Amino acid sequence: MRLAAFLAVILLLYFAIPIGGFNEDNPAAAWIRLAGVLLVFASALVLQLRMIIAAEVPQVRAAEAVVETVLMFLFLFGFLYTSMSTTDPRAFTEPLSRMDALYFTTVTFATVGFGDITPVSQLARAVVTVQMIAGLGALVLVAKVAFFAAGRRLGTP
């Protein structure tokens, strides 16, 4: 139930937060947005760890944290791709709606790579590369940290 509520909130935020207003003439703007995405992600991870340590059943909370953190990772990169496509419609093979961007980031994370949407600009390719590298380690890192925190809460090394 908690996971469903989390998904509902993150979907609401993803589709409700305005995207316009970014300056396409400033190439640093995408890097600033990427830094913001990574900062939000890291902050959420710290909050998740605190919740695991405080949980009555830390292993269950750790499993939920892994799923929630991966969902947040996908939605944050989806938001980033939408904003990049809005400021530079030529950044990808087609302009990305929010749903297109979420689809693209999920396909990239899952390493499926259908090829229907691809990054075209150097900046888009660089950001997608960051997502691929981060995605390779994100699931393993988040799971390892979450279950380590759960084990520490139970007193096991």
Protein backbone atom coordinates (compact mmCIF):
# COMPACT_ATOMS: atom_id res chain seq x y z
CA MET A 1 0.00 0.00 0.00
CA ARG A 2 2.82 2.35 0.91
CA LEU A 3 4.60 1.66 -2.39
CA ALA A 4 1.40 2.41 -4.35
CA ALA A 5 1.06 5.72 -2.50
CA PHE A 6 4.69 6.56 -3.25
CA LEU A 7 4.18 5.79 -6.94
CA ALA A 8 1.01 7.93 -7.02
CA VAL A 9 2.83 10.90 -5.44
CA ILE A 10 5.85 10.62 -7.72
CA LEU A 11 3.60 10.35 -10.81
CA LEU A 12 1.63 13.40 -9.69
CA LEU A 13 4.81 15.41 -9.15
CA TYR A 14 6.34 14.23 -12.43
CA PHE A 15 3.37 15.34 -14.49
CA ALA A 16 2.56 18.48 -12.46
CA ILE A 17 5.92 20.23 -12.01
CA PRO A 18 6.35 22.85 -14.73
CA ILE A 19 9.29 22.43 -17.08
CA GLY A 20 9.47 25.67 -19.07
CA GLY A 21 11.74 28.59 -18.36
CA PHE A 22 15.14 26.96 -18.96
CA ASN A 23 17.62 28.92 -21.03
CA GLU A 24 18.61 26.91 -24.11
CA ASP A 25 21.40 29.36 -24.96
CA ASN A 26 23.29 28.32 -21.83
CA PRO A 27 24.86 24.86 -22.27
CA ALA A 28 25.65 24.78 -18.54
CA ALA A 29 21.90 24.75 -17.78
CA ALA A 30 21.61 21.02 -18.54
CA TRP A 31 24.58 20.26 -16.30
CA ILE A 32 23.01 22.35 -13.54
CA ARG A 33 19.76 20.39 -13.95
CA LEU A 34 21.75 17.13 -13.87
CA ALA A 35 23.47 18.23 -10.65
CA GLY A 36 20.04 19.08 -9.21
CA VAL A 37 18.71 15.64 -10.17
CA LEU A 38 21.68 13.92 -8.54
CA LEU A 39 21.33 16.10 -5.41
CA VAL A 40 17.64 15.22 -5.06
CA PHE A 41 18.47 11.55 -5.58
CA ALA A 42 21.26 11.59 -2.96
CA SER A 43 19.01 13.41 -0.47
CA ALA A 44 16.26 10.84 -1.00
CA LEU A 45 18.75 8.04 -0.45
CA VAL A 46 19.85 9.56 2.88
CA LEU A 47 16.21 9.87 3.94
CA GLN A 48 15.59 6.24 2.95
CA LEU A 49 18.53 5.10 5.08
CA ARG A 50 17.20 6.96 8.10
CA MET A 51 13.81 5.35 7.60
CA ILE A 52 15.39 1.88 7.37
CA ILE A 53 17.31 2.37 10.59
CA ALA A 54 14.15 3.56 12.39
CA ALA A 55 11.89 0.81 10.99
CA GLU A 56 10.47 -2.02 13.10
CA VAL A 57 11.24 -4.52 10.32
CA PRO A 58 14.25 -3.01 8.58
CA GLN A 59 14.58 -5.71 5.89
CA VAL A 60 11.08 -4.99 4.57
CA ARG A 61 11.74 -1.26 4.67
CA ALA A 62 15.05 -1.84 2.84
CA ALA A 63 13.28 -3.73 0.05
CA GLU A 64 10.73 -0.92 -0.28
CA ALA A 65 13.57 1.61 -0.29
CA VAL A 66 15.26 -0.13 -3.21
CA VAL A 67 12.08 -0.03 -5.31
CA GLU A 68 11.27 3.57 -4.33
CA THR A 69 14.81 4.76 -5.03
CA VAL A 70 14.92 3.12 -8.46
CA LEU A 71 11.54 4.68 -9.31
CA MET A 72 12.82 8.07 -8.20
CA PHE A 73 15.96 7.60 -10.31
CA LEU A 74 13.83 6.89 -13.39
CA PHE A 75 11.45 9.79 -12.84
CA LEU A 76 14.25 12.26 -12.14
CA PHE A 77 16.06 11.36 -15.37
CA GLY A 78 12.72 11.42 -17.22
CA PHE A 79 12.19 14.96 -15.94
CA LEU A 80 15.70 15.90 -17.01
CA TYR A 81 15.20 14.50 -20.52
CA THR A 82 11.86 16.29 -20.87
CA SER A 83 13.46 19.60 -19.91
CA MET A 84 16.37 19.00 -22.30
CA SER A 85 13.97 18.21 -25.14
CA THR A 86 11.88 21.27 -24.34
CA THR A 87 14.89 23.58 -24.49
CA ASP A 88 16.42 21.86 -27.54
CA PRO A 89 13.93 19.78 -29.57
CA ARG A 90 16.84 18.48 -31.66
CA ALA A 91 18.56 16.89 -28.62
CA PHE A 92 16.80 13.58 -29.37
CA THR A 93 15.55 12.00 -32.59
CA GLU A 94 12.13 13.42 -31.74
CA PRO A 95 10.78 15.97 -29.25
CA LEU A 96 10.00 14.20 -25.98
CA SER A 97 6.77 14.52 -24.07
CA ARG A 98 6.88 13.59 -20.40
CA MET A 99 5.67 10.09 -21.25
CA ASP A 100 8.24 9.75 -24.04
CA ALA A 101 11.01 10.83 -21.67
CA LEU A 102 9.89 8.39 -18.98
CA TYR A 103 9.74 5.62 -21.59
CA PHE A 104 13.22 6.53 -22.88
CA THR A 105 14.82 6.62 -19.43
CA THR A 106 13.22 3.27 -18.50
CA VAL A 107 14.38 1.64 -21.74
CA THR A 108 17.87 3.01 -21.14
CA PHE A 109 17.91 1.86 -17.50
CA ALA A 110 16.71 -1.62 -18.46
CA THR A 111 19.40 -1.74 -21.18
CA VAL A 112 16.75 -2.72 -23.73
CA GLY A 113 17.52 0.11 -26.14
CA PHE A 114 14.77 -0.26 -28.73
CA GLY A 115 16.37 2.51 -30.78
CA ASP A 116 13.16 4.39 -31.53
CA ILE A 117 14.35 7.37 -29.47
CA THR A 118 18.05 8.18 -29.33
CA PRO A 119 20.11 11.12 -28.15
CA VAL A 120 21.41 13.22 -31.03
CA SER A 121 23.15 16.25 -29.54
CA GLN A 122 26.48 15.89 -27.77
CA LEU A 123 24.92 17.20 -24.56
CA ALA A 124 22.06 14.68 -24.69
CA ARG A 125 24.52 11.87 -25.35
CA ALA A 126 26.65 12.98 -22.41
CA VAL A 127 23.67 13.06 -20.03
CA VAL A 128 22.44 9.67 -21.26
CA THR A 129 25.94 8.32 -20.70
CA VAL A 130 25.81 9.58 -17.11
CA GLN A 131 22.46 7.83 -16.68
CA MET A 132 23.82 4.56 -18.10
CA ILE A 133 26.86 4.59 -15.83
CA ALA A 134 24.81 5.60 -12.79
CA GLY A 135 22.13 3.05 -13.68
CA LEU A 136 24.65 0.23 -13.80
CA GLY A 137 25.58 0.82 -10.20
CA ALA A 138 22.42 2.37 -8.80
CA LEU A 139 20.41 -0.78 -8.20
CA VAL A 140 23.33 -2.70 -6.72
CA LEU A 141 24.54 0.23 -4.64
CA VAL A 142 21.11 1.13 -3.31
CA ALA A 143 20.34 -2.51 -2.46
CA LYS A 144 23.70 -3.02 -0.77
CA VAL A 145 23.44 0.17 1.29
CA ALA A 146 19.80 -0.43 2.20
CA PHE A 147 20.33 -3.99 3.36
CA PHE A 148 23.56 -3.03 5.16
CA ALA A 149 21.60 -0.40 7.10
CA ALA A 150 18.89 -2.98 7.85
CA GLY A 151 21.52 -5.42 9.11
CA ARG A 152 23.11 -2.74 11.30
CA ARG A 153 19.69 -1.95 12.76
CA LEU A 154 19.29 -5.61 13.75
CA GLY A 155 22.78 -5.70 15.20
CA THR A 156 24.36 -7.94 12.58
CA PRO A 157 27.64 -6.78 11.03
